[in-house]
Amino acid sequence: MNEVIAKLNPNKTETIRELGAVDISQLKKMVGTLGDKLWENETKGRENKFTVFHHTQHIIFRFPDTSTTRMKVHDNPSWLIWKSFLLPIMEKAVAPYAYKNGQFKAVMLAKLKAGYAIDMHKDGLPEYYFLHKIHIPIQTSELVKFHIRPNDYYLKEGIAYEVNNLLPHFVTNKSQEDRIHLVFEYVDELL
């Protein structure tokens, strides 16, 4: 499978790749002001109702228009409020790709509750061969592990990572605090 990925998108990571540090100080403050009720309400209306996320809450800013393609997206009203804070972080994170026509697709905050897990899964749509799935931890602990067989990874706060979402992966949060990531998809429109 990795040979197929390399042919379709030579810039896609094999498992997890560190893209570099980003300044999340302002974003971390903003996320810290979000109350439990907002997370609950946003999660009730979320577009990504996959069963593996049963202990995860989301605030979705941008999302694909349909479940069968990731390339056409719509902006939720919250994107207008948050994009001035998110775009500089996201642009810094994807700078290593140096795409001339890079586009941001799905963009969200994802909270995995303390003591819970995201079940093993892989993202199987054909578009994922071309998309880069980026995670930026905003609040985490060394007791939170991202598992891509055969390895476990600790993703540090303020570091951007590309995750190969075509491989089976899962997350465990054995800490006493919620794990919060900024998660987004990035693609070169020329591919």
N, C-alpha and C. Protein backbone atom coordinates (compact mmCIF):
# COMPACT_ATOMS: atom_id res chain seq x y z
N MET A 1 0.81 -1.20 0.00
CA MET A 1 0.00 0.00 0.00
C MET A 1 0.86 1.26 0.00
N ASN A 2 1.98 1.27 0.73
CA ASN A 2 2.82 2.45 0.77
C ASN A 2 3.39 2.80 -0.60
N GLU A 3 3.62 1.79 -1.47
CA GLU A 3 4.10 2.07 -2.83
C GLU A 3 3.03 2.81 -3.63
N VAL A 4 1.78 2.44 -3.43
CA VAL A 4 0.67 3.12 -4.11
C VAL A 4 0.59 4.56 -3.64
N ILE A 5 0.68 4.76 -2.33
CA ILE A 5 0.63 6.12 -1.77
C ILE A 5 1.78 6.95 -2.33
N ALA A 6 2.97 6.39 -2.35
CA ALA A 6 4.14 7.13 -2.84
C ALA A 6 3.99 7.52 -4.31
N LYS A 7 3.38 6.66 -5.11
CA LYS A 7 3.18 7.00 -6.52
C LYS A 7 2.14 8.11 -6.70
N LEU A 8 1.03 8.01 -5.96
CA LEU A 8 -0.04 8.99 -6.10
C LEU A 8 0.31 10.33 -5.46
N ASN A 9 1.01 10.29 -4.34
CA ASN A 9 1.37 11.52 -3.64
C ASN A 9 2.70 11.32 -2.93
N PRO A 10 3.80 11.63 -3.60
CA PRO A 10 5.12 11.40 -3.00
C PRO A 10 5.36 12.24 -1.74
N ASN A 11 4.55 13.26 -1.50
CA ASN A 11 4.72 14.10 -0.31
C ASN A 11 3.98 13.57 0.91
N LYS A 12 3.16 12.52 0.76
CA LYS A 12 2.40 11.98 1.90
C LYS A 12 3.34 11.16 2.78
N THR A 13 3.20 11.32 4.08
CA THR A 13 4.05 10.61 5.02
C THR A 13 3.71 9.12 5.06
N GLU A 14 4.71 8.31 5.45
CA GLU A 14 4.46 6.86 5.60
C GLU A 14 3.63 6.59 6.84
N THR A 15 3.91 7.27 7.94
CA THR A 15 3.14 7.09 9.18
C THR A 15 2.81 8.45 9.78
N ILE A 16 3.75 9.02 10.52
CA ILE A 16 3.59 10.36 11.10
C ILE A 16 4.85 11.15 10.80
N ARG A 17 4.65 12.41 10.41
CA ARG A 17 5.79 13.29 10.13
C ARG A 17 5.63 14.60 10.90
N GLU A 18 6.68 14.99 11.57
CA GLU A 18 6.67 16.28 12.26
C GLU A 18 6.93 17.38 11.24
N LEU A 19 6.04 18.37 11.19
CA LEU A 19 6.17 19.47 10.24
C LEU A 19 6.84 20.69 10.86
N GLY A 20 6.85 20.78 12.19
CA GLY A 20 7.51 21.90 12.84
C GLY A 20 6.62 22.59 13.86
N ALA A 21 7.24 23.50 14.60
CA ALA A 21 6.55 24.24 15.66
C ALA A 21 5.70 25.36 15.08
N VAL A 22 4.56 25.59 15.71
CA VAL A 22 3.68 26.70 15.35
C VAL A 22 3.27 27.41 16.65
N ASP A 23 2.96 28.68 16.55
CA ASP A 23 2.59 29.46 17.74
C ASP A 23 1.09 29.26 18.00
N ILE A 24 0.78 28.52 19.06
CA ILE A 24 -0.62 28.26 19.41
C ILE A 24 -1.05 29.05 20.64
N SER A 25 -0.23 29.98 21.12
CA SER A 25 -0.51 30.67 22.39
C SER A 25 -1.88 31.36 22.38
N GLN A 26 -2.18 32.12 21.36
CA GLN A 26 -3.48 32.81 21.28
C GLN A 26 -4.62 31.81 21.10
N LEU A 27 -4.41 30.82 20.26
CA LEU A 27 -5.43 29.80 20.01
C LEU A 27 -5.72 29.02 21.29
N LYS A 28 -4.69 28.69 22.05
CA LYS A 28 -4.87 27.94 23.30
C LYS A 28 -5.73 28.75 24.28
N LYS A 29 -5.49 30.05 24.35
CA LYS A 29 -6.32 30.90 25.21
C LYS A 29 -7.77 30.90 24.76
N MET A 30 -7.98 31.02 23.46
CA MET A 30 -9.34 31.04 22.93
C MET A 30 -10.05 29.71 23.20
N VAL A 31 -9.36 28.61 22.96
CA VAL A 31 -9.96 27.29 23.19
C VAL A 31 -10.28 27.12 24.67
N GLY A 32 -9.44 27.68 25.54
CA GLY A 32 -9.67 27.59 26.97
C GLY A 32 -10.93 28.29 27.44
N THR A 33 -11.45 29.21 26.63
CA THR A 33 -12.68 29.93 27.00
C THR A 33 -13.94 29.20 26.56
N LEU A 34 -13.79 28.14 25.77
CA LEU A 34 -14.96 27.41 25.28
C LEU A 34 -15.55 26.55 26.39
N GLY A 35 -16.80 26.76 26.66
CA GLY A 35 -17.45 26.00 27.72
C GLY A 35 -17.93 24.63 27.25
N ASP A 36 -18.20 23.77 28.22
CA ASP A 36 -18.68 22.42 27.92
C ASP A 36 -19.97 22.44 27.10
N LYS A 37 -20.85 23.40 27.39
CA LYS A 37 -22.13 23.47 26.68
C LYS A 37 -21.92 23.75 25.19
N LEU A 38 -20.97 24.63 24.86
CA LEU A 38 -20.67 24.91 23.45
C LEU A 38 -20.15 23.66 22.75
N TRP A 39 -19.21 22.96 23.38
CA TRP A 39 -18.69 21.72 22.80
C TRP A 39 -19.83 20.73 22.58
N GLU A 40 -20.71 20.59 23.56
CA GLU A 40 -21.84 19.65 23.43
C GLU A 40 -22.77 20.04 22.29
N ASN A 41 -23.12 21.32 22.23
CA ASN A 41 -24.03 21.78 21.16
C ASN A 41 -23.42 21.63 19.78
N GLU A 42 -22.16 21.98 19.64
CA GLU A 42 -21.48 21.85 18.35
C GLU A 42 -21.39 20.38 17.93
N THR A 43 -21.14 19.51 18.91
CA THR A 43 -21.01 18.09 18.61
C THR A 43 -22.34 17.49 18.16
N LYS A 44 -23.44 17.94 18.73
CA LYS A 44 -24.76 17.44 18.33
C LYS A 44 -25.03 17.70 16.86
N GLY A 45 -24.56 18.83 16.36
CA GLY A 45 -24.81 19.18 14.96
C GLY A 45 -23.68 18.87 14.01
N ARG A 46 -22.68 18.15 14.47
CA ARG A 46 -21.49 17.92 13.64
C ARG A 46 -21.81 17.07 12.41
N GLU A 47 -21.03 17.30 11.39
CA GLU A 47 -21.19 16.54 10.15
C GLU A 47 -20.49 15.19 10.17
N ASN A 48 -19.46 15.03 10.99
CA ASN A 48 -18.70 13.78 11.02
C ASN A 48 -19.24 12.86 12.12
N LYS A 49 -20.32 12.18 11.82
CA LYS A 49 -20.99 11.33 12.81
C LYS A 49 -20.53 9.88 12.72
N PHE A 50 -19.23 9.68 12.66
CA PHE A 50 -18.69 8.34 12.57
C PHE A 50 -18.64 7.71 13.96
N THR A 51 -18.95 6.43 14.05
CA THR A 51 -19.05 5.77 15.36
C THR A 51 -17.73 5.73 16.12
N VAL A 52 -16.61 5.79 15.44
CA VAL A 52 -15.32 5.73 16.14
C VAL A 52 -15.10 6.96 17.03
N PHE A 53 -15.88 8.02 16.80
CA PHE A 53 -15.72 9.26 17.56
C PHE A 53 -16.70 9.36 18.73
N HIS A 54 -17.14 8.22 19.28
CA HIS A 54 -18.18 8.26 20.31
C HIS A 54 -17.75 8.98 21.59
N HIS A 55 -16.47 9.15 21.85
CA HIS A 55 -16.01 9.89 23.03
C HIS A 55 -15.28 11.17 22.63
N THR A 56 -15.55 11.62 21.43
CA THR A 56 -14.89 12.81 20.90
C THR A 56 -15.93 13.89 20.62
N GLN A 57 -15.56 15.12 20.91
CA GLN A 57 -16.41 16.27 20.57
C GLN A 57 -15.69 17.10 19.52
N HIS A 58 -16.48 17.75 18.66
CA HIS A 58 -15.90 18.54 17.57
C HIS A 58 -16.56 19.91 17.46
N ILE A 59 -15.74 20.88 17.10
CA ILE A 59 -16.22 22.16 16.61
C ILE A 59 -15.72 22.24 15.18
N ILE A 60 -16.65 22.18 14.24
CA ILE A 60 -16.29 22.07 12.83
C ILE A 60 -16.43 23.43 12.16
N PHE A 61 -15.33 23.89 11.56
CA PHE A 61 -15.29 25.17 10.88
C PHE A 61 -15.56 25.03 9.38
N ARG A 62 -14.94 24.03 8.76
CA ARG A 62 -15.14 23.74 7.33
C ARG A 62 -15.30 22.24 7.21
N PHE A 63 -16.15 21.81 6.24
CA PHE A 63 -16.37 20.38 6.10
C PHE A 63 -16.79 20.07 4.67
N PRO A 64 -16.48 18.87 4.20
CA PRO A 64 -16.89 18.48 2.84
C PRO A 64 -18.40 18.53 2.66
N ASP A 65 -18.82 18.87 1.46
CA ASP A 65 -20.24 18.99 1.15
C ASP A 65 -20.97 17.65 1.18
N THR A 66 -20.27 16.57 0.85
CA THR A 66 -20.90 15.25 0.84
C THR A 66 -19.97 14.25 1.51
N SER A 67 -20.51 13.08 1.80
CA SER A 67 -19.69 12.04 2.42
C SER A 67 -18.88 11.26 1.39
N THR A 68 -19.08 11.55 0.11
CA THR A 68 -18.38 10.77 -0.91
C THR A 68 -17.20 11.50 -1.54
N THR A 69 -16.97 12.74 -1.19
CA THR A 69 -15.80 13.45 -1.70
C THR A 69 -15.32 14.44 -0.65
N ARG A 70 -14.03 14.68 -0.59
CA ARG A 70 -13.46 15.62 0.37
C ARG A 70 -13.05 16.93 -0.30
N MET A 71 -13.21 17.05 -1.61
CA MET A 71 -12.65 18.18 -2.33
C MET A 71 -13.54 19.43 -2.31
N LYS A 72 -14.85 19.27 -2.28
CA LYS A 72 -15.74 20.44 -2.21
C LYS A 72 -16.20 20.60 -0.77
N VAL A 73 -15.97 21.80 -0.22
CA VAL A 73 -16.28 22.03 1.18
C VAL A 73 -17.18 23.25 1.35
N HIS A 74 -17.80 23.32 2.52
CA HIS A 74 -18.57 24.51 2.89
C HIS A 74 -18.01 25.06 4.20
N ASP A 75 -18.20 26.34 4.40
CA ASP A 75 -17.77 26.99 5.63
C ASP A 75 -18.96 27.09 6.57
N ASN A 76 -18.76 26.69 7.82
CA ASN A 76 -19.76 26.92 8.85
C ASN A 76 -19.60 28.34 9.38
N PRO A 77 -20.62 28.92 9.99
CA PRO A 77 -20.52 30.32 10.46
C PRO A 77 -19.33 30.56 11.39
N SER A 78 -18.94 29.58 12.17
CA SER A 78 -17.82 29.74 13.10
C SER A 78 -16.50 30.01 12.37
N TRP A 79 -16.39 29.58 11.10
CA TRP A 79 -15.16 29.81 10.34
C TRP A 79 -14.89 31.30 10.19
N LEU A 80 -15.92 32.10 10.01
CA LEU A 80 -15.75 33.55 9.87
C LEU A 80 -15.13 34.16 11.12
N ILE A 81 -15.46 33.62 12.26
CA ILE A 81 -14.94 34.13 13.53
C ILE A 81 -13.51 33.65 13.77
N TRP A 82 -13.25 32.40 13.48
CA TRP A 82 -12.00 31.76 13.86
C TRP A 82 -10.90 31.82 12.81
N LYS A 83 -11.25 32.05 11.55
CA LYS A 83 -10.24 31.89 10.50
C LYS A 83 -9.05 32.84 10.64
N SER A 84 -9.26 34.05 11.17
CA SER A 84 -8.13 34.97 11.32
C SER A 84 -7.10 34.45 12.33
N PHE A 85 -7.54 33.62 13.27
CA PHE A 85 -6.62 33.01 14.23
C PHE A 85 -6.04 31.71 13.69
N LEU A 86 -6.86 30.96 12.95
CA LEU A 86 -6.44 29.64 12.50
C LEU A 86 -5.54 29.67 11.26
N LEU A 87 -5.85 30.53 10.30
CA LEU A 87 -5.10 30.52 9.04
C LEU A 87 -3.59 30.73 9.21
N PRO A 88 -3.13 31.69 10.03
CA PRO A 88 -1.66 31.82 10.17
C PRO A 88 -1.01 30.56 10.74
N ILE A 89 -1.68 29.88 11.65
CA ILE A 89 -1.15 28.64 12.22
C ILE A 89 -1.11 27.56 11.16
N MET A 90 -2.20 27.43 10.41
CA MET A 90 -2.30 26.39 9.39
C MET A 90 -1.30 26.63 8.27
N GLU A 91 -1.15 27.89 7.85
CA GLU A 91 -0.20 28.21 6.77
C GLU A 91 1.24 27.93 7.20
N LYS A 92 1.56 28.23 8.45
CA LYS A 92 2.90 27.92 8.96
C LYS A 92 3.13 26.40 8.98
N ALA A 93 2.10 25.67 9.39
CA ALA A 93 2.21 24.21 9.49
C ALA A 93 2.48 23.57 8.14
N VAL A 94 1.86 24.07 7.08
CA VAL A 94 1.98 23.43 5.76
C VAL A 94 3.10 24.02 4.91
N ALA A 95 3.83 24.98 5.42
CA ALA A 95 4.92 25.60 4.65
C ALA A 95 5.91 24.58 4.09
N PRO A 96 6.23 23.48 4.81
CA PRO A 96 7.18 22.52 4.24
C PRO A 96 6.75 21.91 2.90
N TYR A 97 5.46 21.89 2.61
CA TYR A 97 5.01 21.32 1.34
C TYR A 97 5.31 22.23 0.15
N ALA A 98 5.32 23.53 0.38
CA ALA A 98 5.61 24.53 -0.66
C ALA A 98 4.69 24.39 -1.88
N TYR A 99 3.42 24.08 -1.64
CA TYR A 99 2.45 23.98 -2.74
C TYR A 99 2.07 25.38 -3.21
N LYS A 100 2.03 25.56 -4.52
CA LYS A 100 1.62 26.85 -5.07
C LYS A 100 0.10 27.01 -5.04
N ASN A 101 -0.62 25.90 -5.10
CA ASN A 101 -2.08 25.94 -5.09
C ASN A 101 -2.65 25.09 -3.96
N GLY A 102 -2.03 25.20 -2.78
CA GLY A 102 -2.52 24.45 -1.63
C GLY A 102 -3.86 24.97 -1.16
N GLN A 103 -4.74 24.04 -0.78
CA GLN A 103 -6.08 24.39 -0.31
C GLN A 103 -6.36 23.67 1.00
N PHE A 104 -7.02 24.37 1.90
CA PHE A 104 -7.47 23.77 3.16
C PHE A 104 -8.87 23.24 2.96
N LYS A 105 -9.08 22.00 3.36
CA LYS A 105 -10.40 21.37 3.22
C LYS A 105 -11.05 21.33 4.60
N ALA A 106 -11.35 20.18 5.16
CA ALA A 106 -11.97 20.09 6.47
C ALA A 106 -11.07 20.75 7.52
N VAL A 107 -11.68 21.54 8.43
CA VAL A 107 -10.95 22.20 9.52
C VAL A 107 -11.82 22.10 10.77
N MET A 108 -11.23 21.62 11.87
CA MET A 108 -12.03 21.46 13.09
C MET A 108 -11.15 21.42 14.33
N LEU A 109 -11.78 21.63 15.46
CA LEU A 109 -11.18 21.32 16.75
C LEU A 109 -11.75 19.98 17.18
N ALA A 110 -10.90 19.12 17.70
CA ALA A 110 -11.34 17.79 18.13
C ALA A 110 -10.89 17.57 19.57
N LYS A 111 -11.87 17.26 20.42
CA LYS A 111 -11.59 17.01 21.84
C LYS A 111 -11.88 15.55 22.17
N LEU A 112 -10.86 14.83 22.60
CA LEU A 112 -11.02 13.46 23.08
C LEU A 112 -11.06 13.53 24.60
N LYS A 113 -12.16 13.08 25.16
CA LYS A 113 -12.35 13.19 26.60
C LYS A 113 -11.32 12.37 27.39
N ALA A 114 -11.03 12.86 28.58
CA ALA A 114 -10.07 12.21 29.46
C ALA A 114 -10.51 10.77 29.75
N GLY A 115 -9.55 9.86 29.67
CA GLY A 115 -9.81 8.47 29.99
C GLY A 115 -10.46 7.65 28.89
N TYR A 116 -10.60 8.21 27.71
CA TYR A 116 -11.29 7.51 26.62
C TYR A 116 -10.37 7.31 25.41
N ALA A 117 -10.95 6.75 24.35
CA ALA A 117 -10.17 6.43 23.14
C ALA A 117 -10.99 6.70 21.89
N ILE A 118 -10.28 6.86 20.79
CA ILE A 118 -10.88 6.84 19.45
C ILE A 118 -10.57 5.46 18.90
N ASP A 119 -11.60 4.75 18.47
CA ASP A 119 -11.44 3.38 18.01
C ASP A 119 -10.55 3.30 16.77
N MET A 120 -9.96 2.11 16.56
CA MET A 120 -9.15 1.89 15.37
C MET A 120 -10.00 2.08 14.11
N HIS A 121 -9.43 2.79 13.17
CA HIS A 121 -10.12 3.03 11.91
C HIS A 121 -9.09 3.50 10.89
N LYS A 122 -9.50 3.57 9.65
CA LYS A 122 -8.70 4.21 8.60
C LYS A 122 -9.68 4.97 7.73
N ASP A 123 -9.18 6.04 7.15
CA ASP A 123 -10.02 6.89 6.31
C ASP A 123 -9.87 6.40 4.88
N GLY A 124 -10.94 5.85 4.32
CA GLY A 124 -10.79 5.07 3.10
C GLY A 124 -11.19 5.70 1.79
N LEU A 125 -11.61 6.96 1.79
CA LEU A 125 -12.00 7.55 0.50
C LEU A 125 -10.78 7.75 -0.40
N PRO A 126 -10.95 7.63 -1.72
CA PRO A 126 -9.80 7.79 -2.64
C PRO A 126 -9.09 9.14 -2.49
N GLU A 127 -9.81 10.19 -2.12
CA GLU A 127 -9.20 11.52 -1.98
C GLU A 127 -8.08 11.53 -0.93
N TYR A 128 -8.14 10.61 0.02
CA TYR A 128 -7.14 10.61 1.08
C TYR A 128 -5.74 10.27 0.58
N TYR A 129 -5.62 9.72 -0.61
CA TYR A 129 -4.29 9.52 -1.18
C TYR A 129 -3.63 10.86 -1.48
N PHE A 130 -4.45 11.88 -1.72
CA PHE A 130 -3.93 13.20 -2.10
C PHE A 130 -3.93 14.20 -0.96
N LEU A 131 -4.83 14.00 0.00
CA LEU A 131 -4.95 14.93 1.12
C LEU A 131 -3.89 14.64 2.19
N HIS A 132 -3.44 15.70 2.84
CA HIS A 132 -2.58 15.59 4.01
C HIS A 132 -3.44 15.88 5.22
N LYS A 133 -3.48 14.96 6.17
CA LYS A 133 -4.24 15.15 7.41
C LYS A 133 -3.27 15.70 8.44
N ILE A 134 -3.53 16.92 8.91
CA ILE A 134 -2.63 17.61 9.82
C ILE A 134 -3.27 17.72 11.21
N HIS A 135 -2.49 17.38 12.23
CA HIS A 135 -2.91 17.52 13.62
C HIS A 135 -1.97 18.50 14.31
N ILE A 136 -2.55 19.43 15.06
CA ILE A 136 -1.76 20.33 15.91
C ILE A 136 -2.33 20.24 17.32
N PRO A 137 -1.62 19.57 18.23
CA PRO A 137 -2.11 19.48 19.60
C PRO A 137 -2.13 20.85 20.29
N ILE A 138 -3.25 21.15 20.91
CA ILE A 138 -3.43 22.39 21.64
C ILE A 138 -3.40 22.12 23.14
N GLN A 139 -3.97 21.00 23.53
CA GLN A 139 -3.94 20.56 24.93
C GLN A 139 -3.76 19.05 24.92
N THR A 140 -2.71 18.57 25.58
CA THR A 140 -2.44 17.14 25.56
C THR A 140 -1.60 16.75 26.76
N SER A 141 -1.22 15.51 26.81
CA SER A 141 -0.43 14.95 27.91
C SER A 141 0.43 13.83 27.34
N GLU A 142 1.49 13.49 28.04
CA GLU A 142 2.31 12.35 27.62
C GLU A 142 1.56 11.04 27.74
N LEU A 143 0.40 11.05 28.40
CA LEU A 143 -0.43 9.85 28.54
C LEU A 143 -1.42 9.71 27.38
N VAL A 144 -1.36 10.62 26.42
CA VAL A 144 -2.17 10.52 25.20
C VAL A 144 -1.26 9.96 24.11
N LYS A 145 -1.69 8.87 23.51
CA LYS A 145 -0.88 8.21 22.46
C LYS A 145 -1.68 8.07 21.18
N PHE A 146 -1.02 8.37 20.09
CA PHE A 146 -1.55 8.16 18.75
C PHE A 146 -0.89 6.88 18.24
N HIS A 147 -1.68 5.88 17.92
CA HIS A 147 -1.16 4.56 17.55
C HIS A 147 -1.30 4.34 16.04
N ILE A 148 -0.19 4.12 15.38
CA ILE A 148 -0.17 3.62 14.01
C ILE A 148 0.78 2.44 14.05
N ARG A 149 0.25 1.26 13.83
CA ARG A 149 1.05 0.04 14.00
C ARG A 149 2.35 0.12 13.23
N PRO A 150 3.41 -0.30 13.84
CA PRO A 150 3.51 -0.92 15.16
C PRO A 150 3.87 0.08 16.26
N ASN A 151 3.80 1.38 16.00
CA ASN A 151 4.33 2.36 16.93
C ASN A 151 3.25 3.19 17.63
N ASP A 152 3.62 3.70 18.81
CA ASP A 152 2.83 4.67 19.55
C ASP A 152 3.58 5.99 19.49
N TYR A 153 2.83 7.08 19.32
CA TYR A 153 3.44 8.40 19.21
C TYR A 153 2.82 9.34 20.22
N TYR A 154 3.66 10.16 20.82
CA TYR A 154 3.20 11.26 21.66
C TYR A 154 3.33 12.52 20.82
N LEU A 155 2.23 13.16 20.52
CA LEU A 155 2.22 14.38 19.72
C LEU A 155 2.24 15.57 20.67
N LYS A 156 3.29 16.38 20.61
CA LYS A 156 3.51 17.48 21.55
C LYS A 156 2.71 18.72 21.18
N GLU A 157 2.31 19.47 22.21
CA GLU A 157 1.60 20.73 22.01
C GLU A 157 2.44 21.68 21.16
N GLY A 158 1.76 22.38 20.25
CA GLY A 158 2.41 23.40 19.46
C GLY A 158 3.29 22.89 18.34
N ILE A 159 3.24 21.60 18.06
CA ILE A 159 3.97 21.01 16.93
C ILE A 159 2.94 20.50 15.93
N ALA A 160 3.15 20.79 14.66
CA ALA A 160 2.26 20.29 13.60
C ALA A 160 2.77 18.95 13.11
N TYR A 161 1.83 18.02 12.92
CA TYR A 161 2.16 16.67 12.44
C TYR A 161 1.24 16.29 11.28
N GLU A 162 1.81 15.65 10.29
CA GLU A 162 0.98 14.99 9.28
C GLU A 162 0.81 13.54 9.72
N VAL A 163 -0.41 13.04 9.62
CA VAL A 163 -0.74 11.67 9.99
C VAL A 163 -1.22 10.95 8.74
N ASN A 164 -0.69 9.76 8.49
CA ASN A 164 -1.17 8.98 7.35
C ASN A 164 -2.47 8.29 7.77
N ASN A 165 -3.57 8.91 7.41
CA ASN A 165 -4.89 8.43 7.81
C ASN A 165 -5.39 7.26 6.95
N LEU A 166 -4.61 6.83 5.97
CA LEU A 166 -4.96 5.65 5.18
C LEU A 166 -4.60 4.36 5.91
N LEU A 167 -3.74 4.47 6.91
CA LEU A 167 -3.35 3.30 7.69
C LEU A 167 -4.27 3.17 8.91
N PRO A 168 -4.47 1.95 9.40
CA PRO A 168 -5.27 1.79 10.62
C PRO A 168 -4.61 2.56 11.77
N HIS A 169 -5.41 3.35 12.47
CA HIS A 169 -4.89 4.15 13.58
C HIS A 169 -5.95 4.31 14.65
N PHE A 170 -5.50 4.60 15.86
CA PHE A 170 -6.41 4.88 16.97
C PHE A 170 -5.68 5.74 17.99
N VAL A 171 -6.44 6.31 18.94
CA VAL A 171 -5.88 7.20 19.94
C VAL A 171 -6.37 6.76 21.30
N THR A 172 -5.49 6.79 22.30
CA THR A 172 -5.88 6.54 23.67
C THR A 172 -5.51 7.74 24.52
N ASN A 173 -6.42 8.13 25.40
CA ASN A 173 -6.17 9.23 26.33
C ASN A 173 -6.28 8.67 27.74
N LYS A 174 -5.15 8.30 28.31
CA LYS A 174 -5.12 7.73 29.66
C LYS A 174 -4.85 8.81 30.70
N SER A 175 -4.97 10.06 30.31
CA SER A 175 -4.71 11.17 31.23
C SER A 175 -6.01 11.60 31.92
N GLN A 176 -5.87 12.56 32.82
CA GLN A 176 -7.01 13.11 33.56
C GLN A 176 -7.57 14.37 32.90
N GLU A 177 -7.02 14.75 31.72
CA GLU A 177 -7.52 15.94 31.04
C GLU A 177 -7.89 15.61 29.60
N ASP A 178 -8.79 16.41 29.06
CA ASP A 178 -9.19 16.22 27.68
C ASP A 178 -8.04 16.56 26.75
N ARG A 179 -7.96 15.84 25.64
CA ARG A 179 -6.98 16.14 24.60
C ARG A 179 -7.68 16.94 23.52
N ILE A 180 -7.11 18.09 23.14
CA ILE A 180 -7.71 18.94 22.10
C ILE A 180 -6.69 19.17 21.00
N HIS A 181 -7.09 18.88 19.76
CA HIS A 181 -6.25 19.11 18.58
C HIS A 181 -6.98 20.02 17.60
N LEU A 182 -6.21 20.83 16.88
CA LEU A 182 -6.68 21.44 15.65
C LEU A 182 -6.36 20.41 14.56
N VAL A 183 -7.38 20.02 13.80
CA VAL A 183 -7.20 19.00 12.76
C VAL A 183 -7.70 19.60 11.45
N PHE A 184 -6.90 19.45 10.40
CA PHE A 184 -7.35 19.93 9.10
C PHE A 184 -6.73 19.11 7.97
N GLU A 185 -7.35 19.25 6.82
CA GLU A 185 -6.88 18.55 5.61
C GLU A 185 -6.33 19.58 4.63
N TYR A 186 -5.23 19.22 3.99
CA TYR A 186 -4.56 20.11 3.06
C TYR A 186 -4.23 19.35 1.78
N VAL A 187 -4.40 20.01 0.65
CA VAL A 187 -4.17 19.34 -0.63
C VAL A 187 -3.59 20.32 -1.64
N ASP A 188 -2.78 19.80 -2.54
CA ASP A 188 -2.29 20.57 -3.68
C ASP A 188 -3.31 20.43 -4.78
N GLU A 189 -3.98 21.49 -5.12
CA GLU A 189 -5.03 21.43 -6.14
C GLU A 189 -4.50 21.04 -7.51
N LEU A 190 -3.19 21.04 -7.70
CA LEU A 190 -2.61 20.66 -8.98
C LEU A 190 -2.44 19.14 -9.13
N LEU A 191 -2.54 18.40 -8.02
CA LEU A 191 -2.36 16.94 -8.10
C LEU A 191 -3.49 16.31 -8.89
